[in-house]
Amino acid sequence: MSDADITRATTGDVTPRSTRGTGERRRNEEDRAPMGMTIRVFIYLVAVHFIVAFFFLIFWLAGAE
């Protein structure tokens, strides 16, 4: 009996490489947006909120008497 047979017998793994998770992993990668686009959207959202806060501050200070 070889070492591979012993390992296979003790782990219960019939195939040397399990293909059970590959389809699931591929589906998750297809569902996600690319990392670069995610970072850009986050930066744009933060920048827009800063601009809106700046305009709010300007109008708030201009309206104060």
PDB file of N, CA and C in Angstrom:
ATOM      1  N   MET A   1       0.844  -1.164   0.000  1.00  0.00           N
ATOM      2  CA  MET A   1       0.000   0.000   0.000  1.00  0.00           C
ATOM      3  C   MET A   1       0.899   1.240   0.000  1.00  0.00           C
ATOM      4  N   SER A   2       0.624   2.185  -0.902  1.00  0.00           N
ATOM      5  CA  SER A   2       1.455   3.384  -0.998  1.00  0.00           C
ATOM      6  C   SER A   2       0.946   4.467  -0.031  1.00  0.00           C
ATOM      7  N   ASP A   3       1.755   5.520   0.100  1.00  0.00           N
ATOM      8  CA  ASP A   3       1.362   6.625   0.981  1.00  0.00           C
ATOM      9  C   ASP A   3       0.089   7.307   0.483  1.00  0.00           C
ATOM     10  N   ALA A   4      -0.080   7.412  -0.836  1.00  0.00           N
ATOM     11  CA  ALA A   4      -1.280   8.037  -1.392  1.00  0.00           C
ATOM     12  C   ALA A   4      -2.521   7.230  -1.050  1.00  0.00           C
ATOM     13  N   ASP A   5      -2.408   5.910  -1.101  1.00  0.00           N
ATOM     14  CA  ASP A   5      -3.551   5.064  -0.752  1.00  0.00           C
ATOM     15  C   ASP A   5      -3.910   5.209   0.722  1.00  0.00           C
ATOM     16  N   ILE A   6      -2.912   5.304   1.570  1.00  0.00           N
ATOM     17  CA  ILE A   6      -3.174   5.460   3.005  1.00  0.00           C
ATOM     18  C   ILE A   6      -3.840   6.809   3.269  1.00  0.00           C
ATOM     19  N   THR A   7      -3.335   7.850   2.626  1.00  0.00           N
ATOM     20  CA  THR A   7      -3.916   9.182   2.815  1.00  0.00           C
ATOM     21  C   THR A   7      -5.346   9.201   2.318  1.00  0.00           C
ATOM     22  N   ARG A   8      -5.583   8.600   1.151  1.00  0.00           N
ATOM     23  CA  ARG A   8      -6.923   8.556   0.588  1.00  0.00           C
ATOM     24  C   ARG A   8      -7.855   7.756   1.477  1.00  0.00           C
ATOM     25  N   ALA A   9      -7.369   6.680   2.048  1.00  0.00           N
ATOM     26  CA  ALA A   9      -8.198   5.836   2.891  1.00  0.00           C
ATOM     27  C   ALA A   9      -8.514   6.519   4.221  1.00  0.00           C
ATOM     28  N   THR A  10      -7.589   7.293   4.748  1.00  0.00           N
ATOM     29  CA  THR A  10      -7.822   7.914   6.048  1.00  0.00           C
ATOM     30  C   THR A  10      -8.633   9.195   5.945  1.00  0.00           C
ATOM     31  N   THR A  11      -8.529   9.914   4.840  1.00  0.00           N
ATOM     32  CA  THR A  11      -9.272  11.168   4.713  1.00  0.00           C
ATOM     33  C   THR A  11     -10.642  10.962   4.105  1.00  0.00           C
ATOM     34  N   GLY A  12     -10.894   9.849   3.470  1.00  0.00           N
ATOM     35  CA  GLY A  12     -12.175   9.600   2.838  1.00  0.00           C
ATOM     36  C   GLY A  12     -12.297  10.280   1.488  1.00  0.00           C
ATOM     37  N   ASP A  13     -11.239  10.866   0.997  1.00  0.00           N
ATOM     38  CA  ASP A  13     -11.249  11.555  -0.284  1.00  0.00           C
ATOM     39  C   ASP A  13     -10.992  10.536  -1.383  1.00  0.00           C
ATOM     40  N   VAL A  14     -11.933  10.397  -2.303  1.00  0.00           N
ATOM     41  CA  VAL A  14     -11.797   9.408  -3.356  1.00  0.00           C
ATOM     42  C   VAL A  14     -10.938   9.945  -4.484  1.00  0.00           C
ATOM     43  N   THR A  15     -11.110  11.206  -4.812  1.00  0.00           N
ATOM     44  CA  THR A  15     -10.323  11.799  -5.891  1.00  0.00           C
ATOM     45  C   THR A  15      -9.169  12.590  -5.293  1.00  0.00           C
ATOM     46  N   PRO A  16      -8.041  12.668  -6.011  1.00  0.00           N
ATOM     47  CA  PRO A  16      -6.914  13.411  -5.472  1.00  0.00           C
ATOM     48  C   PRO A  16      -7.208  14.905  -5.316  1.00  0.00           C
ATOM     49  N   ARG A  17      -8.105  15.418  -6.139  1.00  0.00           N
ATOM     50  CA  ARG A  17      -8.457  16.833  -6.039  1.00  0.00           C
ATOM     51  C   ARG A  17      -9.980  16.952  -6.102  1.00  0.00           C
ATOM     52  N   SER A  18     -10.569  17.525  -5.094  1.00  0.00           N
ATOM     53  CA  SER A  18     -12.014  17.649  -5.046  1.00  0.00           C
ATOM     54  C   SER A  18     -12.466  18.791  -5.940  1.00  0.00           C
ATOM     55  N   THR A  19     -13.474  18.563  -6.776  1.00  0.00           N
ATOM     56  CA  THR A  19     -13.980  19.585  -7.688  1.00  0.00           C
ATOM     57  C   THR A  19     -15.293  20.163  -7.185  1.00  0.00           C
ATOM     58  N   ARG A  20     -15.641  19.896  -5.943  1.00  0.00           N
ATOM     59  CA  ARG A  20     -16.929  20.341  -5.429  1.00  0.00           C
ATOM     60  C   ARG A  20     -17.025  21.857  -5.316  1.00  0.00           C
ATOM     61  N   GLY A  21     -15.976  22.549  -4.915  1.00  0.00           N
ATOM     62  CA  GLY A  21     -16.047  23.985  -4.669  1.00  0.00           C
ATOM     63  C   GLY A  21     -15.690  24.851  -5.863  1.00  0.00           C
ATOM     64  N   THR A  22     -15.209  24.276  -6.956  1.00  0.00           N
ATOM     65  CA  THR A  22     -14.748  25.117  -8.065  1.00  0.00           C
ATOM     66  C   THR A  22     -15.886  25.851  -8.736  1.00  0.00           C
ATOM     67  N   GLY A  23     -17.015  25.198  -8.967  1.00  0.00           N
ATOM     68  CA  GLY A  23     -18.155  25.867  -9.590  1.00  0.00           C
ATOM     69  C   GLY A  23     -18.720  26.943  -8.699  1.00  0.00           C
ATOM     70  N   GLU A  24     -18.751  26.674  -7.401  1.00  0.00           N
ATOM     71  CA  GLU A  24     -19.257  27.654  -6.448  1.00  0.00           C
ATOM     72  C   GLU A  24     -18.330  28.867  -6.385  1.00  0.00           C
ATOM     73  N   ARG A  25     -17.028  28.641  -6.391  1.00  0.00           N
ATOM     74  CA  ARG A  25     -16.064  29.740  -6.354  1.00  0.00           C
ATOM     75  C   ARG A  25     -16.169  30.567  -7.635  1.00  0.00           C
ATOM     76  N   ARG A  26     -16.309  29.908  -8.771  1.00  0.00           N
ATOM     77  CA  ARG A  26     -16.404  30.620 -10.043  1.00  0.00           C
ATOM     78  C   ARG A  26     -17.670  31.474 -10.085  1.00  0.00           C
ATOM     79  N   ARG A  27     -18.780  30.950  -9.566  1.00  0.00           N
ATOM     80  CA  ARG A  27     -20.025  31.702  -9.559  1.00  0.00           C
ATOM     81  C   ARG A  27     -19.898  32.943  -8.673  1.00  0.00           C
ATOM     82  N   ASN A  28     -19.239  32.824  -7.520  1.00  0.00           N
ATOM     83  CA  ASN A  28     -19.064  33.969  -6.638  1.00  0.00           C
ATOM     84  C   ASN A  28     -18.181  35.031  -7.281  1.00  0.00           C
ATOM     85  N   GLU A  29     -17.157  34.628  -8.021  1.00  0.00           N
ATOM     86  CA  GLU A  29     -16.296  35.594  -8.692  1.00  0.00           C
ATOM     87  C   GLU A  29     -17.041  36.328  -9.793  1.00  0.00           C
ATOM     88  N   GLU A  30     -17.962  35.655 -10.468  1.00  0.00           N
ATOM     89  CA  GLU A  30     -18.723  36.301 -11.526  1.00  0.00           C
ATOM     90  C   GLU A  30     -19.748  37.271 -10.960  1.00  0.00           C
ATOM     91  N   ASP A  31     -20.241  37.010  -9.760  1.00  0.00           N
ATOM     92  CA  ASP A  31     -21.252  37.868  -9.157  1.00  0.00           C
ATOM     93  C   ASP A  31     -20.651  39.148  -8.587  1.00  0.00           C
ATOM     94  N   ARG A  32     -19.372  39.156  -8.292  1.00  0.00           N
ATOM     95  CA  ARG A  32     -18.739  40.316  -7.670  1.00  0.00           C
ATOM     96  C   ARG A  32     -18.213  41.287  -8.720  1.00  0.00           C
ATOM     97  N   ALA A  33     -18.218  42.582  -8.372  1.00  0.00           N
ATOM     98  CA  ALA A  33     -17.651  43.602  -9.248  1.00  0.00           C
ATOM     99  C   ALA A  33     -16.132  43.575  -9.118  1.00  0.00           C
ATOM    100  N   PRO A  34     -15.413  44.006 -10.141  1.00  0.00           N
ATOM    101  CA  PRO A  34     -13.952  44.067 -10.030  1.00  0.00           C
ATOM    102  C   PRO A  34     -13.528  45.003  -8.901  1.00  0.00           C
ATOM    103  N   MET A  35     -12.404  44.697  -8.274  1.00  0.00           N
ATOM    104  CA  MET A  35     -11.947  45.458  -7.114  1.00  0.00           C
ATOM    105  C   MET A  35     -11.685  46.921  -7.469  1.00  0.00           C
ATOM    106  N   GLY A  36     -11.147  47.195  -8.646  1.00  0.00           N
ATOM    107  CA  GLY A  36     -10.879  48.567  -9.053  1.00  0.00           C
ATOM    108  C   GLY A  36     -12.145  49.400  -9.133  1.00  0.00           C
ATOM    109  N   MET A  37     -13.198  48.812  -9.663  1.00  0.00           N
ATOM    110  CA  MET A  37     -14.454  49.542  -9.764  1.00  0.00           C
ATOM    111  C   MET A  37     -15.055  49.758  -8.379  1.00  0.00           C
ATOM    112  N   THR A  38     -14.922  48.801  -7.492  1.00  0.00           N
ATOM    113  CA  THR A  38     -15.431  48.952  -6.134  1.00  0.00           C
ATOM    114  C   THR A  38     -14.727  50.094  -5.416  1.00  0.00           C
ATOM    115  N   ILE A  39     -13.424  50.185  -5.565  1.00  0.00           N
ATOM    116  CA  ILE A  39     -12.660  51.261  -4.928  1.00  0.00           C
ATOM    117  C   ILE A  39     -13.050  52.609  -5.515  1.00  0.00           C
ATOM    118  N   ARG A  40     -13.198  52.691  -6.851  1.00  0.00           N
ATOM    119  CA  ARG A  40     -13.591  53.954  -7.481  1.00  0.00           C
ATOM    120  C   ARG A  40     -14.962  54.415  -7.017  1.00  0.00           C
ATOM    121  N   VAL A  41     -15.911  53.499  -6.927  1.00  0.00           N
ATOM    122  CA  VAL A  41     -17.253  53.869  -6.478  1.00  0.00           C
ATOM    123  C   VAL A  41     -17.195  54.376  -5.040  1.00  0.00           C
ATOM    124  N   PHE A  42     -16.409  53.718  -4.186  1.00  0.00           N
ATOM    125  CA  PHE A  42     -16.264  54.167  -2.798  1.00  0.00           C
ATOM    126  C   PHE A  42     -15.667  55.574  -2.742  1.00  0.00           C
ATOM    127  N   ILE A  43     -14.629  55.824  -3.543  1.00  0.00           N
ATOM    128  CA  ILE A  43     -14.000  57.153  -3.559  1.00  0.00           C
ATOM    129  C   ILE A  43     -14.977  58.200  -4.074  1.00  0.00           C
ATOM    130  N   TYR A  44     -15.719  57.874  -5.140  1.00  0.00           N
ATOM    131  CA  TYR A  44     -16.690  58.830  -5.669  1.00  0.00           C
ATOM    132  C   TYR A  44     -17.757  59.152  -4.631  1.00  0.00           C
ATOM    133  N   LEU A  45     -18.239  58.154  -3.919  1.00  0.00           N
ATOM    134  CA  LEU A  45     -19.258  58.399  -2.900  1.00  0.00           C
ATOM    135  C   LEU A  45     -18.725  59.289  -1.786  1.00  0.00           C
ATOM    136  N   VAL A  46     -17.515  59.025  -1.332  1.00  0.00           N
ATOM    137  CA  VAL A  46     -16.911  59.848  -0.286  1.00  0.00           C
ATOM    138  C   VAL A  46     -16.703  61.274  -0.796  1.00  0.00           C
ATOM    139  N   ALA A  47     -16.202  61.421  -2.013  1.00  0.00           N
ATOM    140  CA  ALA A  47     -15.957  62.753  -2.576  1.00  0.00           C
ATOM    141  C   ALA A  47     -17.262  63.529  -2.719  1.00  0.00           C
ATOM    142  N   VAL A  48     -18.309  62.886  -3.182  1.00  0.00           N
ATOM    143  CA  VAL A  48     -19.592  63.571  -3.347  1.00  0.00           C
ATOM    144  C   VAL A  48     -20.124  64.022  -1.988  1.00  0.00           C
ATOM    145  N   HIS A  49     -19.976  63.200  -0.966  1.00  0.00           N
ATOM    146  CA  HIS A  49     -20.449  63.595   0.359  1.00  0.00           C
ATOM    147  C   HIS A  49     -19.643  64.781   0.910  1.00  0.00           C
ATOM    148  N   PHE A  50     -18.346  64.810   0.651  1.00  0.00           N
ATOM    149  CA  PHE A  50     -17.542  65.956   1.068  1.00  0.00           C
ATOM    150  C   PHE A  50     -17.977  67.227   0.350  1.00  0.00           C
ATOM    151  N   ILE A  51     -18.242  67.142  -0.943  1.00  0.00           N
ATOM    152  CA  ILE A  51     -18.679  68.309  -1.708  1.00  0.00           C
ATOM    153  C   ILE A  51     -20.032  68.797  -1.200  1.00  0.00           C
ATOM    154  N   VAL A  52     -20.950  67.875  -0.964  1.00  0.00           N
ATOM    155  CA  VAL A  52     -22.270  68.251  -0.451  1.00  0.00           C
ATOM    156  C   VAL A  52     -22.134  68.888   0.931  1.00  0.00           C
ATOM    157  N   ALA A  53     -21.287  68.335   1.786  1.00  0.00           N
ATOM    158  CA  ALA A  53     -21.068  68.912   3.118  1.00  0.00           C
ATOM    159  C   ALA A  53     -20.471  70.314   2.998  1.00  0.00           C
ATOM    160  N   PHE A  54     -19.560  70.523   2.058  1.00  0.00           N
ATOM    161  CA  PHE A  54     -18.960  71.838   1.843  1.00  0.00           C
ATOM    162  C   PHE A  54     -20.019  72.852   1.404  1.00  0.00           C
ATOM    163  N   PHE A  55     -20.877  72.477   0.449  1.00  0.00           N
ATOM    164  CA  PHE A  55     -21.944  73.368   0.007  1.00  0.00           C
ATOM    165  C   PHE A  55     -22.920  73.661   1.143  1.00  0.00           C
ATOM    166  N   PHE A  56     -23.250  72.657   1.933  1.00  0.00           N
ATOM    167  CA  PHE A  56     -24.129  72.865   3.073  1.00  0.00           C
ATOM    168  C   PHE A  56     -23.512  73.868   4.044  1.00  0.00           C
ATOM    169  N   LEU A  57     -22.216  73.728   4.299  1.00  0.00           N
ATOM    170  CA  LEU A  57     -21.525  74.653   5.202  1.00  0.00           C
ATOM    171  C   LEU A  57     -21.547  76.078   4.637  1.00  0.00           C
ATOM    172  N   ILE A  58     -21.305  76.229   3.356  1.00  0.00           N
ATOM    173  CA  ILE A  58     -21.308  77.550   2.733  1.00  0.00           C
ATOM    174  C   ILE A  58     -22.696  78.203   2.869  1.00  0.00           C
ATOM    175  N   PHE A  59     -23.740  77.466   2.520  1.00  0.00           N
ATOM    176  CA  PHE A  59     -25.090  78.034   2.607  1.00  0.00           C
ATOM    177  C   PHE A  59     -25.492  78.283   4.054  1.00  0.00           C
ATOM    178  N   TRP A  60     -25.063  77.442   4.959  1.00  0.00           N
ATOM    179  CA  TRP A  60     -25.386  77.611   6.378  1.00  0.00           C
ATOM    180  C   TRP A  60     -24.698  78.864   6.923  1.00  0.00           C
ATOM    181  N   LEU A  61     -23.429  79.052   6.569  1.00  0.00           N
ATOM    182  CA  LEU A  61     -22.708  80.246   7.028  1.00  0.00           C
ATOM    183  C   LEU A  61     -23.244  81.515   6.360  1.00  0.00           C
ATOM    184  N   ALA A  62     -23.645  81.432   5.111  1.00  0.00           N
ATOM    185  CA  ALA A  62     -24.173  82.602   4.407  1.00  0.00           C
ATOM    186  C   ALA A  62     -25.537  82.999   4.951  1.00  0.00           C
ATOM    187  N   GLY A  63     -26.309  82.040   5.429  1.00  0.00           N
ATOM    188  CA  GLY A  63     -27.648  82.339   5.935  1.00  0.00           C
ATOM    189  C   GLY A  63     -27.635  82.746   7.402  1.00  0.00           C
ATOM    190  N   ALA A  64     -26.528  82.579   8.101  1.00  0.00           N
ATOM    191  CA  ALA A  64     -26.468  82.935   9.527  1.00  0.00           C
ATOM    192  C   ALA A  64     -26.392  84.447   9.670  1.00  0.00           C
ATOM    193  N   GLU A  65     -27.119  84.981  10.612  1.00  0.00           N
ATOM    194  CA  GLU A  65     -27.101  86.436  10.806  1.00  0.00           C
ATOM    195  C   GLU A  65     -26.564  86.806  12.152  1.00  0.00           C
TER     196      GLU A  65
END
